[in-house]
Amino acid sequence: MPIPMELEPGNYLWCSCGKSKKSPLCDGAHKGTEFKPYKFTVTTKERTMLCNCQHTNKPPFCDGSHDFYK
């Protein structure tokens, strides 16, 4: 399921490997794998739904792809 987050303006790294203990944000757990975090910038404070299944086609945002994997 997606993770609702209220994000302040700034730069963020979204976890693309699924191993982060800070999911959906990257904590570096991908090191030693082929995965790389997805960098994104928020310009205004916003509430959003970040993908937590790593199957989105619109990283880092949820696009409903998790419904396919149920």
N, C-alpha and C. Protein backbone atom coordinates (compact mmCIF):
# COMPACT_ATOMS: atom_id res chain seq x y z
N MET A 1 0.84 -1.19 0.00
CA MET A 1 0.00 0.00 0.00
C MET A 1 0.88 1.25 0.00
N PRO A 2 0.40 2.33 -0.60
CA PRO A 2 1.18 3.56 -0.60
C PRO A 2 1.29 4.15 0.80
N ILE A 3 2.28 4.99 0.98
CA ILE A 3 2.52 5.65 2.26
C ILE A 3 2.15 7.13 2.12
N PRO A 4 1.14 7.59 2.87
CA PRO A 4 0.83 9.03 2.84
C PRO A 4 1.90 9.79 3.61
N MET A 5 2.40 10.86 3.00
CA MET A 5 3.43 11.67 3.65
C MET A 5 3.17 13.14 3.40
N GLU A 6 3.48 13.93 4.40
CA GLU A 6 3.46 15.38 4.24
C GLU A 6 4.92 15.81 4.15
N LEU A 7 5.31 16.29 2.99
CA LEU A 7 6.70 16.61 2.72
C LEU A 7 6.93 18.12 2.69
N GLU A 8 7.98 18.53 3.33
CA GLU A 8 8.42 19.92 3.30
C GLU A 8 9.24 20.13 2.03
N PRO A 9 9.38 21.36 1.56
CA PRO A 9 10.24 21.60 0.39
C PRO A 9 11.65 21.08 0.65
N GLY A 10 12.22 20.46 -0.38
CA GLY A 10 13.58 19.94 -0.27
C GLY A 10 13.80 18.78 -1.21
N ASN A 11 14.97 18.17 -1.10
CA ASN A 11 15.34 17.02 -1.92
C ASN A 11 15.16 15.74 -1.11
N TYR A 12 14.68 14.71 -1.78
CA TYR A 12 14.42 13.43 -1.14
C TYR A 12 14.95 12.30 -2.01
N LEU A 13 15.20 11.15 -1.38
CA LEU A 13 15.60 9.94 -2.10
C LEU A 13 14.56 8.87 -1.79
N TRP A 14 13.89 8.39 -2.83
CA TRP A 14 12.88 7.34 -2.71
C TRP A 14 13.56 5.99 -2.86
N CYS A 15 13.21 5.04 -2.01
CA CYS A 15 13.78 3.69 -2.04
C CYS A 15 13.23 2.92 -3.23
N SER A 16 14.10 2.42 -4.09
CA SER A 16 13.67 1.62 -5.23
C SER A 16 13.96 0.13 -5.02
N CYS A 17 14.64 -0.23 -3.93
CA CYS A 17 15.01 -1.63 -3.71
C CYS A 17 14.05 -2.37 -2.79
N GLY A 18 13.32 -1.64 -1.96
CA GLY A 18 12.39 -2.27 -1.03
C GLY A 18 13.01 -2.74 0.27
N LYS A 19 14.29 -2.45 0.49
CA LYS A 19 14.98 -2.92 1.69
C LYS A 19 15.12 -1.86 2.78
N SER A 20 14.77 -0.63 2.49
CA SER A 20 14.96 0.47 3.43
C SER A 20 14.12 0.30 4.68
N LYS A 21 14.71 0.54 5.83
CA LYS A 21 13.97 0.54 7.09
C LYS A 21 13.23 1.87 7.25
N LYS A 22 13.51 2.86 6.40
CA LYS A 22 12.83 4.15 6.41
C LYS A 22 11.86 4.27 5.24
N SER A 23 11.46 3.14 4.67
CA SER A 23 10.61 3.11 3.49
C SER A 23 9.39 4.00 3.69
N PRO A 24 9.05 4.78 2.69
CA PRO A 24 9.45 4.71 1.30
C PRO A 24 10.70 5.53 0.96
N LEU A 25 11.34 6.11 1.95
CA LEU A 25 12.55 6.89 1.69
C LEU A 25 13.79 6.00 1.85
N CYS A 26 14.83 6.32 1.13
CA CYS A 26 16.05 5.54 1.09
C CYS A 26 16.87 5.71 2.37
N ASP A 27 17.43 4.59 2.86
CA ASP A 27 18.36 4.64 3.98
C ASP A 27 19.73 4.06 3.62
N GLY A 28 19.94 3.80 2.31
CA GLY A 28 21.22 3.27 1.86
C GLY A 28 21.28 1.75 1.82
N ALA A 29 20.18 1.06 2.13
CA ALA A 29 20.17 -0.41 2.17
C ALA A 29 20.44 -1.03 0.80
N HIS A 30 20.35 -0.26 -0.27
CA HIS A 30 20.58 -0.77 -1.63
C HIS A 30 22.05 -1.00 -1.94
N LYS A 31 22.94 -0.49 -1.12
CA LYS A 31 24.38 -0.59 -1.42
C LYS A 31 24.78 -2.03 -1.64
N GLY A 32 25.53 -2.26 -2.72
CA GLY A 32 25.95 -3.59 -3.08
C GLY A 32 24.97 -4.29 -4.01
N THR A 33 23.89 -3.60 -4.40
CA THR A 33 22.91 -4.15 -5.33
C THR A 33 22.90 -3.30 -6.59
N GLU A 34 22.10 -3.69 -7.57
CA GLU A 34 21.98 -2.92 -8.80
C GLU A 34 21.00 -1.75 -8.66
N PHE A 35 20.32 -1.65 -7.52
CA PHE A 35 19.33 -0.59 -7.32
C PHE A 35 19.97 0.74 -6.98
N LYS A 36 19.31 1.80 -7.40
CA LYS A 36 19.73 3.17 -7.08
C LYS A 36 18.50 3.91 -6.57
N PRO A 37 18.66 4.79 -5.57
CA PRO A 37 17.50 5.55 -5.12
C PRO A 37 17.07 6.55 -6.19
N TYR A 38 15.81 6.93 -6.14
CA TYR A 38 15.25 7.91 -7.08
C TYR A 38 15.20 9.26 -6.38
N LYS A 39 15.96 10.22 -6.89
CA LYS A 39 16.00 11.55 -6.29
C LYS A 39 14.83 12.38 -6.82
N PHE A 40 14.12 13.05 -5.90
CA PHE A 40 13.06 13.94 -6.32
C PHE A 40 13.04 15.19 -5.43
N THR A 41 12.49 16.25 -5.96
CA THR A 41 12.46 17.54 -5.28
C THR A 41 11.03 17.98 -5.05
N VAL A 42 10.76 18.45 -3.86
CA VAL A 42 9.46 19.03 -3.52
C VAL A 42 9.68 20.54 -3.39
N THR A 43 8.88 21.32 -4.11
CA THR A 43 9.08 22.77 -4.10
C THR A 43 8.15 23.51 -3.15
N THR A 44 7.01 22.89 -2.83
CA THR A 44 6.09 23.47 -1.85
C THR A 44 5.63 22.36 -0.92
N LYS A 45 5.29 22.73 0.30
CA LYS A 45 4.82 21.72 1.25
C LYS A 45 3.61 21.02 0.65
N GLU A 46 3.64 19.68 0.65
CA GLU A 46 2.54 18.94 0.05
C GLU A 46 2.31 17.62 0.74
N ARG A 47 1.07 17.18 0.70
CA ARG A 47 0.71 15.84 1.17
C ARG A 47 0.58 14.97 -0.07
N THR A 48 1.26 13.83 -0.05
CA THR A 48 1.29 12.98 -1.24
C THR A 48 1.30 11.51 -0.83
N MET A 49 1.11 10.65 -1.79
CA MET A 49 1.15 9.20 -1.56
C MET A 49 2.38 8.65 -2.27
N LEU A 50 3.36 8.19 -1.49
CA LEU A 50 4.57 7.63 -2.07
C LEU A 50 4.43 6.12 -2.20
N CYS A 51 4.95 5.60 -3.30
CA CYS A 51 4.90 4.17 -3.58
C CYS A 51 5.71 3.40 -2.55
N ASN A 52 5.15 2.29 -2.09
CA ASN A 52 5.86 1.44 -1.14
C ASN A 52 6.06 0.02 -1.70
N CYS A 53 5.55 -0.25 -2.91
CA CYS A 53 5.70 -1.58 -3.50
C CYS A 53 6.84 -1.63 -4.53
N GLN A 54 7.38 -0.48 -4.90
CA GLN A 54 8.47 -0.34 -5.86
C GLN A 54 8.09 -0.77 -7.28
N HIS A 55 6.80 -0.84 -7.59
CA HIS A 55 6.36 -1.22 -8.93
C HIS A 55 5.71 -0.07 -9.69
N THR A 56 5.71 1.12 -9.13
CA THR A 56 5.09 2.26 -9.78
C THR A 56 5.77 2.60 -11.10
N ASN A 57 5.00 3.13 -12.03
CA ASN A 57 5.55 3.64 -13.28
C ASN A 57 5.76 5.14 -13.21
N LYS A 58 5.47 5.73 -12.03
CA LYS A 58 5.61 7.17 -11.82
C LYS A 58 6.39 7.44 -10.53
N PRO A 59 7.61 6.88 -10.41
CA PRO A 59 8.34 7.04 -9.15
C PRO A 59 8.56 8.51 -8.81
N PRO A 60 8.44 8.86 -7.56
CA PRO A 60 8.24 8.04 -6.37
C PRO A 60 6.77 7.90 -5.98
N PHE A 61 5.88 8.36 -6.82
CA PHE A 61 4.47 8.44 -6.46
C PHE A 61 3.70 7.17 -6.80
N CYS A 62 2.74 6.84 -5.97
CA CYS A 62 1.90 5.68 -6.19
C CYS A 62 1.04 5.89 -7.43
N ASP A 63 0.98 4.89 -8.29
CA ASP A 63 0.10 4.94 -9.47
C ASP A 63 -0.92 3.79 -9.46
N GLY A 64 -1.01 3.09 -8.33
CA GLY A 64 -1.96 1.99 -8.21
C GLY A 64 -1.42 0.65 -8.69
N SER A 65 -0.15 0.59 -9.07
CA SER A 65 0.44 -0.66 -9.55
C SER A 65 0.35 -1.77 -8.50
N HIS A 66 0.31 -1.43 -7.23
CA HIS A 66 0.24 -2.45 -6.18
C HIS A 66 -1.02 -3.31 -6.30
N ASP A 67 -2.08 -2.77 -6.90
CA ASP A 67 -3.32 -3.56 -7.07
C ASP A 67 -3.09 -4.76 -7.97
N PHE A 68 -2.17 -4.64 -8.91
CA PHE A 68 -1.85 -5.74 -9.83
C PHE A 68 -1.20 -6.90 -9.10
N TYR A 69 -0.47 -6.61 -8.02
CA TYR A 69 0.30 -7.63 -7.32
C TYR A 69 -0.43 -8.26 -6.14
N LYS A 70 -1.72 -7.95 -5.95
CA LYS A 70 -2.50 -8.52 -4.84
C LYS A 70 -2.83 -9.96 -5.12
